PDB file of all heavy atoms in Angstrom:
ATOM      1  N   PHE A   1       0.858  -1.090   0.039  1.00  0.00           N
ATOM      2  CA  PHE A   1      -0.042  -0.069   0.013  1.00  0.00           C
ATOM      3  C   PHE A   1       0.942   1.225  -0.068  1.00  0.00           C
ATOM      4  O   PHE A   1       1.975   1.200   0.473  1.00  0.00           O
ATOM      5  CB  PHE A   1      -0.834   0.032   1.251  1.00  0.00           C
ATOM      6  CG  PHE A   1      -0.311   0.053   2.547  1.00  0.00           C
ATOM      7  CD1 PHE A   1      -0.050   1.235   3.262  1.00  0.00           C
ATOM      8  CD2 PHE A   1       0.191  -1.140   3.232  1.00  0.00           C
ATOM      9  CE1 PHE A   1       0.624   1.234   4.462  1.00  0.00           C
ATOM     10  CE2 PHE A   1       0.749  -1.191   4.384  1.00  0.00           C
ATOM     11  CZ  PHE A   1       0.938  -0.003   5.139  1.00  0.00           C
ATOM     12  N   THR A   2       0.280   2.316  -0.476  1.00  0.00           N
ATOM     13  CA  THR A   2       0.975   3.569  -0.416  1.00  0.00           C
ATOM     14  C   THR A   2       0.171   4.338   0.701  1.00  0.00           C
ATOM     15  O   THR A   2      -0.981   4.266   0.831  1.00  0.00           O
ATOM     16  CB  THR A   2       0.987   4.349  -1.670  1.00  0.00           C
ATOM     17  OG1 THR A   2      -0.440   4.611  -2.226  1.00  0.00           O
ATOM     18  CG2 THR A   2       1.727   3.641  -2.807  1.00  0.00           C
ATOM     19  N   ALA A   3       0.948   5.211   1.319  1.00  0.00           N
ATOM     20  CA  ALA A   3       0.410   5.964   2.513  1.00  0.00           C
ATOM     21  C   ALA A   3       1.048   7.202   2.791  1.00  0.00           C
ATOM     22  O   ALA A   3       2.325   7.410   2.407  1.00  0.00           O
ATOM     23  CB  ALA A   3       0.308   5.095   3.782  1.00  0.00           C
ATOM     24  N   GLN A   4       0.468   8.159   3.428  1.00  0.00           N
ATOM     25  CA  GLN A   4       1.020   9.399   3.771  1.00  0.00           C
ATOM     26  C   GLN A   4       0.368   9.844   5.197  1.00  0.00           C
ATOM     27  O   GLN A   4      -0.637   9.401   5.540  1.00  0.00           O
ATOM     28  CB  GLN A   4       0.743  10.557   2.702  1.00  0.00           C
ATOM     29  CG  GLN A   4      -0.748  10.695   2.397  1.00  0.00           C
ATOM     30  CD  GLN A   4      -1.049  11.927   1.606  1.00  0.00           C
ATOM     31  OE1 GLN A   4      -0.901  13.030   2.140  1.00  0.00           O
ATOM     32  NE2 GLN A   4      -1.426  11.655   0.306  1.00  0.00           N
ATOM     33  N   ASP A   5       0.950  10.896   5.717  1.00  0.00           N
ATOM     34  CA  ASP A   5       0.364  11.641   6.906  1.00  0.00           C
ATOM     35  C   ASP A   5       0.680  13.120   6.686  1.00  0.00           C
ATOM     36  O   ASP A   5       1.148  13.488   5.821  1.00  0.00           O
ATOM     37  CB  ASP A   5       0.671  10.940   8.218  1.00  0.00           C
ATOM     38  CG  ASP A   5       2.189  11.131   8.474  1.00  0.00           C
ATOM     39  OD1 ASP A   5       2.877  12.139   8.100  1.00  0.00           O
ATOM     40  OD2 ASP A   5       2.691  10.311   9.204  1.00  0.00           O
ATOM     41  N   GLU A   6       0.293  13.866   7.679  1.00  0.00           N
ATOM     42  CA  GLU A   6       0.387  15.304   7.703  1.00  0.00           C
ATOM     43  C   GLU A   6       1.909  15.758   7.554  1.00  0.00           C
ATOM     44  O   GLU A   6       1.997  16.989   7.278  1.00  0.00           O
ATOM     45  CB  GLU A   6      -0.430  15.938   8.760  1.00  0.00           C
ATOM     46  CG  GLU A   6      -0.050  15.472  10.160  1.00  0.00           C
ATOM     47  CD  GLU A   6      -0.878  14.332  10.605  1.00  0.00           C
ATOM     48  OE1 GLU A   6      -0.643  13.126  10.162  1.00  0.00           O
ATOM     49  OE2 GLU A   6      -1.886  14.510  11.424  1.00  0.00           O
ATOM     50  N   LEU A   7       2.791  14.967   8.034  1.00  0.00           N
ATOM     51  CA  LEU A   7       4.196  15.437   7.962  1.00  0.00           C
ATOM     52  C   LEU A   7       5.109  14.516   7.020  1.00  0.00           C
ATOM     53  O   LEU A   7       6.267  14.966   6.906  1.00  0.00           O
ATOM     54  CB  LEU A   7       4.825  15.167   9.392  1.00  0.00           C
ATOM     55  CG  LEU A   7       4.199  16.129  10.524  1.00  0.00           C
ATOM     56  CD1 LEU A   7       4.864  15.775  11.827  1.00  0.00           C
ATOM     57  CD2 LEU A   7       4.208  17.554  10.174  1.00  0.00           C
ATOM     58  N   ASN A   8       4.441  13.612   6.398  1.00  0.00           N
ATOM     59  CA  ASN A   8       5.345  12.658   5.502  1.00  0.00           C
ATOM     60  C   ASN A   8       4.432  12.408   4.222  1.00  0.00           C
ATOM     61  O   ASN A   8       3.486  11.838   4.290  1.00  0.00           O
ATOM     62  CB  ASN A   8       5.562  11.269   6.210  1.00  0.00           C
ATOM     63  CG  ASN A   8       6.342  11.483   7.561  1.00  0.00           C
ATOM     64  OD1 ASN A   8       7.544  11.617   7.544  1.00  0.00           O
ATOM     65  ND2 ASN A   8       5.736  11.478   8.669  1.00  0.00           N
ATOM     66  N   PRO A   9       5.110  12.732   3.172  1.00  0.00           N
ATOM     67  CA  PRO A   9       4.472  12.564   1.822  1.00  0.00           C
ATOM     68  C   PRO A   9       4.293  11.104   1.602  1.00  0.00           C
ATOM     69  O   PRO A   9       4.959  10.323   2.244  1.00  0.00           O
ATOM     70  CB  PRO A   9       5.312  13.289   0.823  1.00  0.00           C
ATOM     71  CG  PRO A   9       6.096  14.349   1.598  1.00  0.00           C
ATOM     72  CD  PRO A   9       6.209  13.692   2.927  1.00  0.00           C
ATOM     73  N   THR A  10       3.624  10.710   0.421  1.00  0.00           N
ATOM     74  CA  THR A  10       3.308   9.272   0.205  1.00  0.00           C
ATOM     75  C   THR A  10       4.585   8.474  -0.151  1.00  0.00           C
ATOM     76  O   THR A  10       5.478   8.923  -0.902  1.00  0.00           O
ATOM     77  CB  THR A  10       2.438   9.215  -1.043  1.00  0.00           C
ATOM     78  OG1 THR A  10       1.284  10.068  -0.729  1.00  0.00           O
ATOM     79  CG2 THR A  10       1.924   7.791  -1.276  1.00  0.00           C
ATOM     80  N   GLU A  11       4.643   7.237   0.536  1.00  0.00           N
ATOM     81  CA  GLU A  11       5.705   6.238   0.231  1.00  0.00           C
ATOM     82  C   GLU A  11       4.950   4.975   0.013  1.00  0.00           C
ATOM     83  O   GLU A  11       3.699   4.748   0.465  1.00  0.00           O
ATOM     84  CB  GLU A  11       6.758   6.229   1.256  1.00  0.00           C
ATOM     85  CG  GLU A  11       7.413   7.469   1.442  1.00  0.00           C
ATOM     86  CD  GLU A  11       8.522   7.831   0.364  1.00  0.00           C
ATOM     87  OE1 GLU A  11       8.665   7.076  -0.618  1.00  0.00           O
ATOM     88  OE2 GLU A  11       9.261   8.864   0.469  1.00  0.00           O
ATOM     89  N   LEU A  12       5.739   3.936  -0.372  1.00  0.00           N
ATOM     90  CA  LEU A  12       5.238   2.569  -0.496  1.00  0.00           C
ATOM     91  C   LEU A  12       5.604   1.754   0.740  1.00  0.00           C
ATOM     92  O   LEU A  12       6.720   1.751   1.191  1.00  0.00           O
ATOM     93  CB  LEU A  12       5.750   1.879  -1.757  1.00  0.00           C
ATOM     94  CG  LEU A  12       5.403   0.486  -2.019  1.00  0.00           C
ATOM     95  CD1 LEU A  12       3.780   0.294  -2.384  1.00  0.00           C
ATOM     96  CD2 LEU A  12       6.269  -0.008  -3.301  1.00  0.00           C
ATOM     97  N   TYR A  13       4.571   0.932   1.173  1.00  0.00           N
ATOM     98  CA  TYR A  13       4.881   0.055   2.281  1.00  0.00           C
ATOM     99  C   TYR A  13       4.256  -1.304   2.003  1.00  0.00           C
ATOM    100  O   TYR A  13       3.488  -1.543   1.104  1.00  0.00           O
ATOM    101  CB  TYR A  13       4.038   0.535   3.492  1.00  0.00           C
ATOM    102  CG  TYR A  13       4.546   2.073   3.970  1.00  0.00           C
ATOM    103  CD1 TYR A  13       4.006   3.102   3.333  1.00  0.00           C
ATOM    104  CD2 TYR A  13       5.198   2.184   5.175  1.00  0.00           C
ATOM    105  CE1 TYR A  13       4.295   4.411   3.709  1.00  0.00           C
ATOM    106  CE2 TYR A  13       5.597   3.383   5.511  1.00  0.00           C
ATOM    107  CZ  TYR A  13       5.093   4.522   4.823  1.00  0.00           C
ATOM    108  OH  TYR A  13       5.463   5.875   5.219  1.00  0.00           O
ATOM    109  N   VAL A  14       4.860  -2.339   2.796  1.00  0.00           N
ATOM    110  CA  VAL A  14       4.350  -3.750   2.601  1.00  0.00           C
ATOM    111  C   VAL A  14       3.935  -4.164   4.023  1.00  0.00           C
ATOM    112  O   VAL A  14       4.515  -3.797   5.038  1.00  0.00           O
ATOM    113  CB  VAL A  14       5.344  -4.636   2.025  1.00  0.00           C
ATOM    114  CG1 VAL A  14       5.610  -4.290   0.576  1.00  0.00           C
ATOM    115  CG2 VAL A  14       6.567  -4.765   2.804  1.00  0.00           C
ATOM    116  N   LEU A  15       2.880  -5.106   4.096  1.00  0.00           N
ATOM    117  CA  LEU A  15       2.484  -5.654   5.326  1.00  0.00           C
ATOM    118  C   LEU A  15       2.405  -7.067   5.136  1.00  0.00           C
ATOM    119  O   LEU A  15       1.803  -7.723   4.348  1.00  0.00           O
ATOM    120  CB  LEU A  15       1.049  -5.227   5.718  1.00  0.00           C
ATOM    121  CG  LEU A  15       0.399  -5.894   6.968  1.00  0.00           C
ATOM    122  CD1 LEU A  15       1.154  -5.409   8.159  1.00  0.00           C
ATOM    123  CD2 LEU A  15      -1.125  -5.538   7.086  1.00  0.00           C
ATOM    124  N   ARG A  16       3.396  -7.799   5.808  1.00  0.00           N
ATOM    125  CA  ARG A  16       3.637  -9.253   5.712  1.00  0.00           C
ATOM    126  C   ARG A  16       3.832  -9.837   6.988  1.00  0.00           C
ATOM    127  O   ARG A  16       4.511  -9.373   7.903  1.00  0.00           O
ATOM    128  CB  ARG A  16       4.999  -9.497   4.907  1.00  0.00           C
ATOM    129  CG  ARG A  16       5.202 -10.844   4.532  1.00  0.00           C
ATOM    130  CD  ARG A  16       6.548 -11.081   3.880  1.00  0.00           C
ATOM    131  NE  ARG A  16       6.676 -10.170   2.659  1.00  0.00           N
ATOM    132  CZ  ARG A  16       7.780 -10.270   1.989  1.00  0.00           C
ATOM    133  NH1 ARG A  16       8.713 -11.107   2.254  1.00  0.00           N
ATOM    134  NH2 ARG A  16       7.879  -9.511   0.863  1.00  0.00           N
ATOM    135  N   ASP A  17       2.913 -10.949   7.311  1.00  0.00           N
ATOM    136  CA  ASP A  17       2.860 -11.717   8.581  1.00  0.00           C
ATOM    137  C   ASP A  17       2.735 -10.714   9.739  1.00  0.00           C
ATOM    138  O   ASP A  17       3.462 -10.780  10.721  1.00  0.00           O
ATOM    139  CB  ASP A  17       4.261 -12.417   8.739  1.00  0.00           C
ATOM    140  CG  ASP A  17       4.474 -13.503   7.552  1.00  0.00           C
ATOM    141  OD1 ASP A  17       3.387 -14.039   7.190  1.00  0.00           O
ATOM    142  OD2 ASP A  17       5.558 -13.704   7.247  1.00  0.00           O
ATOM    143  N   GLY A  18       1.970  -9.712   9.538  1.00  0.00           N
ATOM    144  CA  GLY A  18       1.617  -8.843  10.659  1.00  0.00           C
ATOM    145  C   GLY A  18       2.626  -7.702  10.950  1.00  0.00           C
ATOM    146  O   GLY A  18       2.443  -6.750  11.822  1.00  0.00           O
ATOM    147  N   ARG A  19       3.758  -7.719  10.149  1.00  0.00           N
ATOM    148  CA  ARG A  19       4.723  -6.694  10.255  1.00  0.00           C
ATOM    149  C   ARG A  19       4.681  -5.824   9.121  1.00  0.00           C
ATOM    150  O   ARG A  19       4.686  -6.164   7.988  1.00  0.00           O
ATOM    151  CB  ARG A  19       6.091  -7.397  10.377  1.00  0.00           C
ATOM    152  CG  ARG A  19       6.209  -8.182  11.642  1.00  0.00           C
ATOM    153  CD  ARG A  19       7.712  -8.862  11.706  1.00  0.00           C
ATOM    154  NE  ARG A  19       8.725  -7.829  11.812  1.00  0.00           N
ATOM    155  CZ  ARG A  19       9.995  -8.088  11.777  1.00  0.00           C
ATOM    156  NH1 ARG A  19      10.386  -9.348  11.661  1.00  0.00           N
ATOM    157  NH2 ARG A  19      10.888  -7.088  11.803  1.00  0.00           N
ATOM    158  N   GLU A  20       4.714  -4.531   9.402  1.00  0.00           N
ATOM    159  CA  GLU A  20       4.773  -3.484   8.333  1.00  0.00           C
ATOM    160  C   GLU A  20       6.162  -2.896   8.118  1.00  0.00           C
ATOM    161  O   GLU A  20       6.930  -2.728   9.056  1.00  0.00           O
ATOM    162  CB  GLU A  20       3.760  -2.288   8.801  1.00  0.00           C
ATOM    163  CG  GLU A  20       3.595  -1.213   7.788  1.00  0.00           C
ATOM    164  CD  GLU A  20       2.748  -0.126   8.317  1.00  0.00           C
ATOM    165  OE1 GLU A  20       1.724  -0.484   8.750  1.00  0.00           O
ATOM    166  OE2 GLU A  20       3.098   1.135   8.206  1.00  0.00           O
ATOM    167  N   ARG A  21       6.427  -2.573   6.833  1.00  0.00           N
ATOM    168  CA  ARG A  21       7.891  -2.158   6.545  1.00  0.00           C
ATOM    169  C   ARG A  21       7.736  -1.188   5.276  1.00  0.00           C
ATOM    170  O   ARG A  21       7.062  -1.433   4.316  1.00  0.00           O
ATOM    171  CB  ARG A  21       8.747  -3.289   6.064  1.00  0.00           C
ATOM    172  CG  ARG A  21      10.179  -2.987   5.864  1.00  0.00           C
ATOM    173  CD  ARG A  21      11.066  -4.157   5.853  1.00  0.00           C
ATOM    174  NE  ARG A  21      10.750  -5.118   4.775  1.00  0.00           N
ATOM    175  CZ  ARG A  21      11.465  -5.112   3.606  1.00  0.00           C
ATOM    176  NH1 ARG A  21      12.387  -4.246   3.439  1.00  0.00           N
ATOM    177  NH2 ARG A  21      11.191  -5.981   2.777  1.00  0.00           N
ATOM    178  N   ARG A  22       8.455  -0.067   5.475  1.00  0.00           N
ATOM    179  CA  ARG A  22       8.391   0.974   4.387  1.00  0.00           C
ATOM    180  C   ARG A  22       9.415   0.466   3.299  1.00  0.00           C
ATOM    181  O   ARG A  22      10.627   0.135   3.722  1.00  0.00           O
ATOM    182  CB  ARG A  22       8.866   2.413   5.120  1.00  0.00           C
ATOM    183  CG  ARG A  22       8.974   3.511   4.087  1.00  0.00           C
ATOM    184  CD  ARG A  22       9.358   4.688   4.768  1.00  0.00           C
ATOM    185  NE  ARG A  22       9.777   5.629   3.813  1.00  0.00           N
ATOM    186  CZ  ARG A  22      10.191   6.960   4.231  1.00  0.00           C
ATOM    187  NH1 ARG A  22      10.142   7.369   5.491  1.00  0.00           N
ATOM    188  NH2 ARG A  22      10.383   7.863   3.373  1.00  0.00           N
ATOM    189  N   ILE A  23       9.032   0.682   2.117  1.00  0.00           N
ATOM    190  CA  ILE A  23       9.838   0.170   1.014  1.00  0.00           C
ATOM    191  C   ILE A  23      10.651   1.317   0.259  1.00  0.00           C
ATOM    192  O   ILE A  23      11.772   1.097  -0.152  1.00  0.00           O
ATOM    193  CB  ILE A  23       9.065  -0.735  -0.065  1.00  0.00           C
ATOM    194  CG1 ILE A  23       8.393  -1.859   0.738  1.00  0.00           C
ATOM    195  CG2 ILE A  23       9.802  -1.053  -1.250  1.00  0.00           C
ATOM    196  CD1 ILE A  23       9.435  -2.738   1.250  1.00  0.00           C
ATOM    197  N   THR A  24       9.959   2.454   0.087  1.00  0.00           N
ATOM    198  CA  THR A  24      10.579   3.569  -0.635  1.00  0.00           C
ATOM    199  C   THR A  24      10.932   4.755   0.243  1.00  0.00           C
ATOM    200  O   THR A  24      10.396   4.915   1.312  1.00  0.00           O
ATOM    201  CB  THR A  24       9.768   3.936  -1.777  1.00  0.00           C
ATOM    202  OG1 THR A  24       8.384   4.511  -1.216  1.00  0.00           O
ATOM    203  CG2 THR A  24       9.420   2.772  -2.717  1.00  0.00           C
TER     204      THR A  24
END
C-alpha cells in the first residue's frame, strides 16, 4: 500500500505476517 500523513508525503509500504515495512 501507499500511505502518507500530515508530516510525511506518500511512500510505498508492505504488510507481511503482521509486520509493516516501508519500501521507498
